[in-house]
Amino acid sequence: MATTTQYEVMNEEGSVPVKHWTRGVPVQDAALRQLSNVAKMPFIHRWVAVMPDVHWGMGATIGSVIPTRGAVIPAAVGVDLGCGMMAVRTSMRAEDLPDGLGHVRGAIEQAVPHGRSSGGRRRDRGAWGDPPKGVADVWTGSLAERFDVITDKHPKIRNCNNIVHLGTLGTGNHFIELCLDEQDRVWVMLHSGSRGVGNRIGSYFIGLAKADMKRWFINLPDVNLAYFPEGTPNFDDYCEAVTWAQDFARFNRELMMAAVLNALQGLAGLPAFEAGLSAVNCHHNYVSREHHYGENVLVTRKGAVRAGEGELGIIPGSMGTRSYIVRGKGNPESFCSCSHGAGRLMSRTEAKRRFSVEDHMEATRGIECRKDEAVIDETPAAYKSIDDVMAAQSDLVEIVHTLRQVVCVKG
């Protein structure tokens, strides 16, 4: 466990404290206002913990850890339920990779649907037309029956992209990468969540929570902090649905990882290799039941990773910087949490306004990735410095491996 602390405390009258691990990194005023509103909720356990990648988010601040007693805030959990990371180390080394990696990126893009969906129609980049057998087996064996139970009670959730998104990447900051660690060993790393079905579940229950607040005449500091009290039917149904979505997200990452590794085996220019020599699979957008400071509570990590003592996690930088495999120090004051990445420095709109394709090409020099206008909002300069973010949380995690990407697939 960490023996030193490096947080700062914001404490307003009528609120629980807000502890910030943000020394040396910028924090938007809009994010501070959101955090202040969360801290006013009457069921917060002890305090709110703020990670160094913190930034404004829809519903609640991304990069925040919100422990609650007897209630859950659906918009704080968000709509990308179970979003997270997976990384696998292979037996390949840097010298095993060919000089040109374009065909490697092409093989990954061919193996995993990515980008926006068009209803599963032919040549749909973002979804399956007919899900392959492995995907169908996971759906029928682990997810379909539970989904039917949930949608029998809430039929508005049923008609959405569910199985056709299982094993697919998505858009935005979701990615698949080949990386090299400090010993030039090759890793495969990816980032995605529960896709269309998670979005439908999250949005639907956020709407129910807001309706409940109106019906019960409950005034909130922010309408997006609408909540379900424990013991109500909506609370139970939400917890059931969000747990299902988090399982979907975990299977989604596992299926994509298997597809990528299979695509790389036997690819021209690559040797036969072993995979799974080291593996990490962690959520960073989820809610879980945990025990902290003598009480059983619900912990919402919106853009944060569990970092219990000895637990491995993944903290990615941007598509042109480093990422980290970390080991948690179990710091109780952060509710055993750490950041989930570098964190956005500016909005996607601002990034597109400020940076050019030429800027992006320079920032991603030496990396096989897209270098066009459609990914300008993901250019490295749109994110905080990953070095500053890691320095601000040195009492939360220790670095196990430092990864630098050589191939990056974006949706």
Protein backbone atom coordinates (compact mmCIF):
# COMPACT_ATOMS: atom_id res chain seq x y z
CA MET A 1 0.00 0.00 0.00
CA ALA A 2 1.19 3.53 -0.71
CA THR A 3 2.82 5.27 2.22
CA THR A 4 2.69 8.79 0.81
CA THR A 5 -0.15 10.78 -0.66
CA GLN A 6 -0.10 13.43 -3.33
CA TYR A 7 -3.70 14.51 -3.62
CA GLU A 8 -5.23 17.92 -3.03
CA VAL A 9 -8.62 18.40 -1.40
CA MET A 10 -11.53 20.53 -2.56
CA ASN A 11 -14.06 20.90 0.24
CA GLU A 12 -17.22 22.99 -0.07
CA GLU A 13 -19.83 23.54 2.61
CA GLY A 14 -22.64 21.02 2.30
CA SER A 15 -20.50 18.62 0.26
CA VAL A 16 -18.22 15.68 0.87
CA PRO A 17 -14.53 16.35 0.09
CA VAL A 18 -13.19 15.86 -3.43
CA LYS A 19 -9.65 14.47 -3.47
CA HIS A 20 -7.65 15.31 -6.61
CA TRP A 21 -4.62 13.40 -7.88
CA THR A 22 -4.02 16.14 -10.44
CA ARG A 23 -0.75 17.86 -9.55
CA GLY A 24 0.96 19.06 -12.70
CA VAL A 25 -1.99 18.37 -15.03
CA PRO A 26 -4.70 20.81 -16.16
CA VAL A 27 -8.31 20.46 -14.99
CA GLN A 28 -11.15 22.20 -16.81
CA ASP A 29 -13.48 24.52 -14.91
CA ALA A 30 -16.42 22.58 -16.35
CA ALA A 31 -15.05 19.37 -14.81
CA LEU A 32 -14.60 21.08 -11.44
CA ARG A 33 -18.24 22.21 -11.52
CA GLN A 34 -19.37 18.66 -12.29
CA LEU A 35 -17.31 17.27 -9.42
CA SER A 36 -18.74 19.87 -7.07
CA ASN A 37 -22.26 18.80 -8.02
CA VAL A 38 -21.50 15.10 -7.46
CA ALA A 39 -20.05 15.89 -4.04
CA LYS A 40 -23.39 17.41 -2.98
CA MET A 41 -25.30 14.14 -3.42
CA PRO A 42 -26.45 12.84 0.00
CA PHE A 43 -25.34 9.23 -0.45
CA ILE A 44 -21.65 9.68 -1.33
CA HIS A 45 -19.43 7.47 0.84
CA ARG A 46 -16.58 9.49 2.41
CA TRP A 47 -15.41 11.49 -0.63
CA VAL A 48 -15.07 11.60 -4.41
CA ALA A 49 -11.67 10.62 -5.85
CA VAL A 50 -10.40 12.39 -8.98
CA MET A 51 -7.82 10.85 -11.27
CA PRO A 52 -5.18 12.89 -13.18
CA ASP A 53 -6.82 12.24 -16.57
CA VAL A 54 -9.99 13.99 -15.37
CA HIS A 55 -12.06 15.96 -17.88
CA TRP A 56 -15.66 17.00 -18.45
CA GLY A 57 -18.00 14.21 -19.50
CA MET A 58 -21.64 13.74 -20.36
CA GLY A 59 -23.50 13.06 -17.12
CA ALA A 60 -20.51 13.01 -14.81
CA THR A 61 -16.81 13.75 -14.92
CA ILE A 62 -14.57 11.29 -16.76
CA GLY A 63 -11.69 10.31 -14.52
CA SER A 64 -13.76 10.20 -11.32
CA VAL A 65 -14.39 7.53 -8.71
CA ILE A 66 -17.79 7.84 -7.01
CA PRO A 67 -18.56 5.55 -4.04
CA THR A 68 -22.24 5.50 -3.05
CA ARG A 69 -24.36 4.00 -0.28
CA GLY A 70 -27.86 2.85 -1.17
CA ALA A 71 -28.07 4.46 -4.60
CA VAL A 72 -26.56 4.40 -8.07
CA ILE A 73 -26.36 7.22 -10.65
CA PRO A 74 -26.80 5.74 -14.17
CA ALA A 75 -25.39 8.78 -15.99
CA ALA A 76 -22.27 8.62 -13.83
CA VAL A 77 -21.69 5.09 -15.11
CA GLY A 78 -22.47 6.38 -18.59
CA VAL A 79 -23.44 4.61 -21.80
CA ASP A 80 -20.23 2.83 -22.82
CA LEU A 81 -20.84 0.27 -20.10
CA GLY A 82 -17.86 -1.94 -19.34
CA CYS A 83 -15.54 -0.04 -21.65
CA GLY A 84 -11.98 -1.08 -20.96
CA MET A 85 -8.67 -2.46 -22.12
CA MET A 86 -7.06 -5.79 -22.92
CA ALA A 87 -3.38 -6.49 -23.56
CA VAL A 88 -1.55 -9.72 -24.42
CA ARG A 89 2.20 -10.28 -24.71
CA THR A 90 3.41 -12.49 -27.53
CA SER A 91 6.70 -14.33 -28.08
CA MET A 92 7.54 -12.02 -31.02
CA ARG A 93 10.21 -9.37 -30.73
CA ALA A 94 10.83 -6.15 -32.62
CA GLU A 95 13.31 -7.86 -34.96
CA ASP A 96 10.55 -10.29 -36.00
CA LEU A 97 8.47 -7.48 -37.48
CA PRO A 98 8.93 -6.50 -41.14
CA ASP A 99 10.08 -2.99 -42.06
CA GLY A 100 6.71 -2.21 -43.63
CA LEU A 101 3.68 -2.76 -41.38
CA GLY A 102 0.88 -1.66 -43.71
CA HIS A 103 -0.21 -5.22 -44.44
CA VAL A 104 -0.24 -5.96 -40.69
CA ARG A 105 -2.64 -3.09 -40.10
CA GLY A 106 -4.68 -4.26 -43.08
CA ALA A 107 -4.95 -7.79 -41.66
CA ILE A 108 -6.21 -6.47 -38.33
CA GLU A 109 -8.74 -4.19 -40.02
CA GLN A 110 -9.95 -7.13 -42.10
CA ALA A 111 -10.30 -9.39 -39.06
CA VAL A 112 -12.25 -7.01 -36.78
CA PRO A 113 -15.23 -4.87 -37.89
CA HIS A 114 -14.51 -1.26 -36.96
CA GLY A 115 -15.97 2.17 -37.56
CA ARG A 116 -19.58 3.22 -37.79
CA SER A 117 -22.34 0.66 -38.30
CA SER A 118 -24.92 0.72 -41.05
CA GLY A 119 -27.43 -1.75 -39.71
CA GLY A 120 -25.44 -4.87 -40.52
CA ARG A 121 -25.88 -4.32 -44.25
CA ARG A 122 -23.42 -5.66 -46.78
CA ARG A 123 -19.95 -4.12 -46.48
CA ASP A 124 -20.86 -2.73 -43.06
CA ARG A 125 -17.53 -1.61 -41.62
CA GLY A 126 -18.65 -1.54 -38.00
CA ALA A 127 -20.83 -4.63 -37.47
CA TRP A 128 -21.20 -8.23 -38.53
CA GLY A 129 -23.65 -9.11 -41.29
CA ASP A 130 -23.74 -12.73 -40.16
CA PRO A 131 -21.76 -13.13 -36.92
CA PRO A 132 -19.14 -15.90 -37.21
CA LYS A 133 -19.55 -19.12 -35.26
CA GLY A 134 -17.24 -18.11 -32.41
CA VAL A 135 -19.22 -14.93 -31.82
CA ALA A 136 -22.56 -16.74 -32.09
CA ASP A 137 -21.37 -19.38 -29.61
CA VAL A 138 -20.45 -16.76 -27.01
CA TRP A 139 -23.78 -15.01 -27.49
CA THR A 140 -25.92 -18.12 -27.15
CA GLY A 141 -23.79 -19.69 -24.43
CA SER A 142 -23.20 -16.73 -22.13
CA LEU A 143 -25.37 -13.72 -23.00
CA ALA A 144 -28.60 -14.44 -24.91
CA GLU A 145 -30.68 -15.98 -22.13
CA ARG A 146 -29.82 -13.24 -19.64
CA PHE A 147 -30.53 -10.60 -22.28
CA ASP A 148 -33.99 -12.07 -22.83
CA VAL A 149 -34.71 -11.86 -19.09
CA ILE A 150 -33.75 -8.18 -19.05
CA THR A 151 -35.63 -7.26 -22.22
CA ASP A 152 -38.76 -9.12 -21.19
CA LYS A 153 -39.00 -6.54 -18.39
CA HIS A 154 -37.73 -3.63 -20.51
CA PRO A 155 -38.64 -4.36 -24.17
CA LYS A 156 -37.40 -0.96 -25.38
CA ILE A 157 -33.85 -2.28 -24.97
CA ARG A 158 -34.37 -5.30 -27.21
CA ASN A 159 -34.12 -3.88 -30.72
CA CYS A 160 -30.55 -2.65 -30.92
CA ASN A 161 -27.14 -3.73 -32.17
CA ASN A 162 -26.33 -6.59 -29.81
CA ILE A 163 -24.91 -9.79 -31.30
CA VAL A 164 -23.90 -7.96 -34.50
CA HIS A 165 -21.63 -5.74 -32.37
CA LEU A 166 -20.11 -8.56 -30.32
CA GLY A 167 -16.44 -8.85 -31.29
CA THR A 168 -16.32 -5.41 -32.98
CA LEU A 169 -14.29 -2.30 -32.20
CA GLY A 170 -16.47 0.78 -32.65
CA THR A 171 -15.41 4.39 -33.20
CA GLY A 172 -13.89 7.36 -31.37
CA ASN A 173 -11.02 6.53 -29.06
CA HIS A 174 -11.44 2.76 -29.39
CA PHE A 175 -8.39 1.13 -30.94
CA ILE A 176 -6.30 -1.98 -31.60
CA GLU A 177 -2.51 -1.66 -31.41
CA LEU A 178 0.70 -3.59 -31.78
CA CYS A 179 3.20 -2.32 -29.23
CA LEU A 180 6.79 -2.91 -28.14
CA ASP A 181 7.74 -2.98 -24.47
CA GLU A 182 11.02 -1.89 -22.87
CA GLN A 183 12.60 -5.23 -23.90
CA ASP A 184 11.31 -4.94 -27.50
CA ARG A 185 8.74 -7.70 -26.97
CA VAL A 186 5.55 -7.45 -29.06
CA TRP A 187 2.20 -6.89 -27.35
CA VAL A 188 -1.31 -6.68 -28.79
CA MET A 189 -3.49 -4.13 -27.00
CA LEU A 190 -7.07 -3.04 -27.60
CA HIS A 191 -9.72 -0.74 -26.17
CA SER A 192 -13.49 -1.14 -26.50
CA GLY A 193 -16.70 -1.72 -24.54
CA SER A 194 -20.29 -2.90 -24.83
CA ARG A 195 -20.97 -1.14 -28.13
CA GLY A 196 -24.54 -0.45 -29.29
CA VAL A 197 -26.33 -2.60 -26.74
CA GLY A 198 -24.48 -0.96 -23.83
CA ASN A 199 -25.36 2.45 -25.19
CA ARG A 200 -29.03 1.46 -25.44
CA ILE A 201 -29.08 0.09 -21.88
CA GLY A 202 -27.29 3.11 -20.43
CA SER A 203 -29.42 5.68 -22.26
CA TYR A 204 -32.65 3.88 -21.41
CA PHE A 205 -31.99 3.69 -17.67
CA ILE A 206 -30.70 7.27 -17.53
CA GLY A 207 -34.09 8.28 -18.91
CA LEU A 208 -35.90 6.19 -16.30
CA ALA A 209 -33.87 7.75 -13.49
CA LYS A 210 -34.69 11.26 -14.68
CA ALA A 211 -38.37 10.35 -14.86
CA ASP A 212 -38.24 9.00 -11.31
CA MET A 213 -36.75 12.27 -10.03
CA LYS A 214 -39.57 14.25 -11.62
CA ARG A 215 -42.21 11.91 -10.25
CA TRP A 216 -40.77 12.10 -6.74
CA PHE A 217 -40.15 15.90 -6.93
CA ILE A 218 -36.47 15.48 -6.11
CA ASN A 219 -34.34 18.52 -6.88
CA LEU A 220 -30.81 17.85 -8.06
CA PRO A 221 -27.73 20.07 -8.55
CA ASP A 222 -27.59 18.60 -12.08
CA VAL A 223 -30.36 16.68 -13.84
CA ASN A 224 -27.76 14.18 -15.03
CA LEU A 225 -27.28 13.06 -11.42
CA ALA A 226 -30.68 11.37 -11.38
CA TYR A 227 -30.39 8.17 -9.37
CA PHE A 228 -32.08 4.92 -8.38
CA PRO A 229 -32.44 4.28 -4.62
CA GLU A 230 -31.52 0.76 -3.54
CA GLY A 231 -34.59 -1.37 -2.90
CA THR A 232 -36.57 -0.01 -5.85
CA PRO A 233 -37.36 -2.16 -8.92
CA ASN A 234 -35.45 0.13 -11.24
CA PHE A 235 -32.35 -0.13 -9.05
CA ASP A 236 -32.41 -3.92 -9.20
CA ASP A 237 -33.14 -4.01 -12.93
CA TYR A 238 -30.41 -1.48 -13.66
CA CYS A 239 -27.79 -3.42 -11.70
CA GLU A 240 -28.81 -6.59 -13.52
CA ALA A 241 -28.59 -4.90 -16.92
CA VAL A 242 -25.32 -3.09 -16.30
CA THR A 243 -23.69 -6.28 -15.00
CA TRP A 244 -24.78 -8.02 -18.20
CA ALA A 245 -23.37 -5.17 -20.33
CA GLN A 246 -20.06 -5.33 -18.47
CA ASP A 247 -19.87 -9.05 -19.22
CA PHE A 248 -20.67 -8.31 -22.89
CA ALA A 249 -17.79 -5.82 -22.95
CA ARG A 250 -15.33 -8.33 -21.48
CA PHE A 251 -16.36 -10.99 -24.03
CA ASN A 252 -16.18 -8.37 -26.78
CA ARG A 253 -12.53 -7.67 -25.99
CA GLU A 254 -11.68 -11.37 -25.73
CA LEU A 255 -13.25 -12.13 -29.11
CA MET A 256 -11.44 -9.24 -30.80
CA MET A 257 -8.13 -10.27 -29.26
CA ALA A 258 -8.59 -13.84 -30.50
CA ALA A 259 -9.45 -12.55 -33.99
CA VAL A 260 -6.38 -10.30 -34.12
CA LEU A 261 -4.00 -13.01 -32.93
CA ASN A 262 -5.47 -15.47 -35.41
CA ALA A 263 -5.09 -12.94 -38.24
CA LEU A 264 -1.42 -12.39 -37.37
CA GLN A 265 -0.57 -16.09 -37.20
CA GLY A 266 0.87 -17.08 -40.53
CA LEU A 267 0.72 -13.56 -41.97
CA ALA A 268 3.42 -12.95 -44.55
CA GLY A 269 6.49 -11.47 -42.93
CA LEU A 270 5.63 -12.63 -39.40
CA PRO A 271 6.97 -15.77 -37.69
CA ALA A 272 4.86 -18.31 -35.84
CA PHE A 273 4.44 -17.08 -32.28
CA GLU A 274 2.95 -17.85 -28.92
CA ALA A 275 0.43 -15.52 -27.29
CA GLY A 276 -0.99 -15.08 -23.82
CA LEU A 277 2.41 -15.09 -22.11
CA SER A 278 1.03 -12.20 -20.08
CA ALA A 279 -2.52 -10.85 -20.30
CA VAL A 280 -4.59 -8.10 -18.67
CA ASN A 281 -8.33 -7.42 -19.19
CA CYS A 282 -9.81 -4.55 -17.17
CA HIS A 283 -12.89 -2.34 -17.23
CA HIS A 284 -12.54 1.42 -16.78
CA ASN A 285 -16.17 2.50 -17.14
CA TYR A 286 -18.30 0.49 -14.75
CA VAL A 287 -19.90 0.01 -11.34
CA SER A 288 -19.12 -2.72 -8.82
CA ARG A 289 -19.90 -3.70 -5.25
CA GLU A 290 -16.86 -3.29 -3.02
CA HIS A 291 -15.88 -2.86 0.63
CA HIS A 292 -14.23 0.42 1.61
CA TYR A 293 -13.72 2.02 5.01
CA GLY A 294 -15.83 -0.53 6.83
CA GLU A 295 -18.87 -0.42 4.54
CA ASN A 296 -20.17 -2.28 1.51
CA VAL A 297 -20.68 0.32 -1.22
CA LEU A 298 -21.22 0.70 -4.94
CA VAL A 299 -18.14 2.14 -6.63
CA THR A 300 -18.66 3.88 -9.97
CA ARG A 301 -15.44 4.27 -11.92
CA LYS A 302 -16.13 6.57 -14.85
CA GLY A 303 -12.83 6.56 -16.68
CA ALA A 304 -10.84 4.91 -13.89
CA VAL A 305 -9.26 1.50 -13.35
CA ARG A 306 -9.33 -0.62 -10.21
CA ALA A 307 -5.81 -0.62 -8.74
CA GLY A 308 -6.03 -2.86 -5.70
CA GLU A 309 -2.75 -4.01 -4.21
CA GLY A 310 -1.00 -6.24 -6.75
CA GLU A 311 -3.75 -5.92 -9.38
CA LEU A 312 -2.62 -5.33 -12.96
CA GLY A 313 -4.17 -2.62 -15.09
CA ILE A 314 -3.62 -0.75 -18.36
CA ILE A 315 -3.18 3.00 -18.77
CA PRO A 316 -2.96 3.97 -22.46
CA GLY A 317 -1.58 7.25 -23.72
CA SER A 318 -2.58 8.69 -27.07
CA MET A 319 -2.03 7.08 -30.47
CA GLY A 320 1.42 8.67 -30.72
CA THR A 321 2.81 8.28 -27.21
CA ARG A 322 3.42 5.55 -24.63
CA SER A 323 1.06 3.26 -22.75
CA TYR A 324 1.64 1.43 -19.48
CA ILE A 325 0.96 -1.90 -17.85
CA VAL A 326 0.72 -1.04 -14.15
CA ARG A 327 0.40 -2.77 -10.80
CA GLY A 328 -1.91 -1.25 -8.22
CA LYS A 329 -0.65 -0.12 -4.83
CA GLY A 330 -4.05 -0.50 -3.18
CA ASN A 331 -4.22 3.11 -2.01
CA PRO A 332 -7.44 3.25 0.05
CA GLU A 333 -7.86 7.01 -0.37
CA SER A 334 -8.44 6.57 -4.10
CA PHE A 335 -10.74 3.64 -3.34
CA CYS A 336 -8.02 1.48 -4.93
CA SER A 337 -8.22 3.28 -8.29
CA CYS A 338 -6.01 4.91 -10.91
CA SER A 339 -6.47 6.78 -14.19
CA HIS A 340 -7.73 5.06 -17.33
CA GLY A 341 -5.54 6.95 -19.78
CA ALA A 342 -4.03 10.32 -20.56
CA GLY A 343 -7.38 12.12 -20.66
CA ARG A 344 -8.56 14.60 -23.23
CA LEU A 345 -7.06 18.08 -23.15
CA MET A 346 -9.69 19.52 -25.48
CA SER A 347 -12.93 18.59 -27.17
CA ARG A 348 -13.04 16.70 -30.44
CA THR A 349 -14.40 19.81 -32.16
CA GLU A 350 -11.53 21.94 -30.85
CA ALA A 351 -8.95 19.35 -31.93
CA LYS A 352 -10.34 19.33 -35.47
CA ARG A 353 -10.26 23.14 -35.53
CA ARG A 354 -6.75 23.44 -34.15
CA PHE A 355 -4.78 20.67 -35.86
CA SER A 356 -4.12 19.77 -39.48
CA VAL A 357 -3.44 16.46 -41.19
CA GLU A 358 0.20 17.55 -41.40
CA ASP A 359 0.31 18.08 -37.62
CA HIS A 360 -1.14 14.62 -37.13
CA MET A 361 1.32 13.02 -39.53
CA GLU A 362 4.23 14.56 -37.66
CA ALA A 363 2.84 13.50 -34.27
CA THR A 364 2.44 9.89 -35.45
CA ARG A 365 5.70 9.65 -37.39
CA GLY A 366 6.99 6.07 -37.37
CA ILE A 367 3.60 4.58 -36.46
CA GLU A 368 1.53 2.62 -38.98
CA CYS A 369 -1.91 4.23 -38.58
CA ARG A 370 -4.52 6.35 -40.30
CA LYS A 371 -3.28 9.83 -41.16
CA ASP A 372 -6.38 11.56 -42.49
CA GLU A 373 -8.91 14.20 -41.44
CA ALA A 374 -11.27 11.65 -39.90
CA VAL A 375 -8.86 10.91 -37.02
CA ILE A 376 -7.68 14.45 -36.24
CA ASP A 377 -9.83 14.46 -33.08
CA GLU A 378 -7.67 11.57 -31.82
CA THR A 379 -4.31 13.18 -32.60
CA PRO A 380 -1.84 13.01 -29.68
CA ALA A 381 -1.89 16.76 -28.98
CA ALA A 382 -5.62 16.53 -28.15
CA TYR A 383 -4.64 14.60 -25.00
CA LYS A 384 -2.86 15.47 -21.78
CA SER A 385 0.78 14.52 -21.32
CA ILE A 386 0.87 10.87 -20.30
CA ASP A 387 4.16 11.57 -18.48
CA ASP A 388 2.46 14.20 -16.28
CA VAL A 389 -0.52 11.91 -15.69
CA MET A 390 1.71 9.06 -14.53
CA ALA A 391 3.75 11.35 -12.28
CA ALA A 392 0.58 12.61 -10.59
CA GLN A 393 -0.47 9.09 -9.56
CA SER A 394 2.80 7.53 -8.47
CA ASP A 395 1.22 6.71 -5.10
CA LEU A 396 -1.57 4.77 -6.82
CA VAL A 397 0.34 2.47 -9.21
CA GLU A 398 3.79 1.29 -10.15
CA ILE A 399 4.83 0.83 -13.78
CA VAL A 400 5.42 -2.78 -14.82
CA HIS A 401 5.87 -2.32 -18.59
CA THR A 402 6.16 0.71 -20.86
CA LEU A 403 4.67 0.16 -24.31
CA ARG A 404 5.13 2.18 -27.52
CA GLN A 405 2.85 1.48 -30.43
CA VAL A 406 4.07 0.61 -33.91
CA VAL A 407 0.64 -0.16 -35.41
CA CYS A 408 -2.63 1.54 -34.48
CA VAL A 409 -6.09 0.73 -35.86
CA LYS A 410 -8.78 3.33 -35.16
CA GLY A 411 -12.49 3.07 -35.87
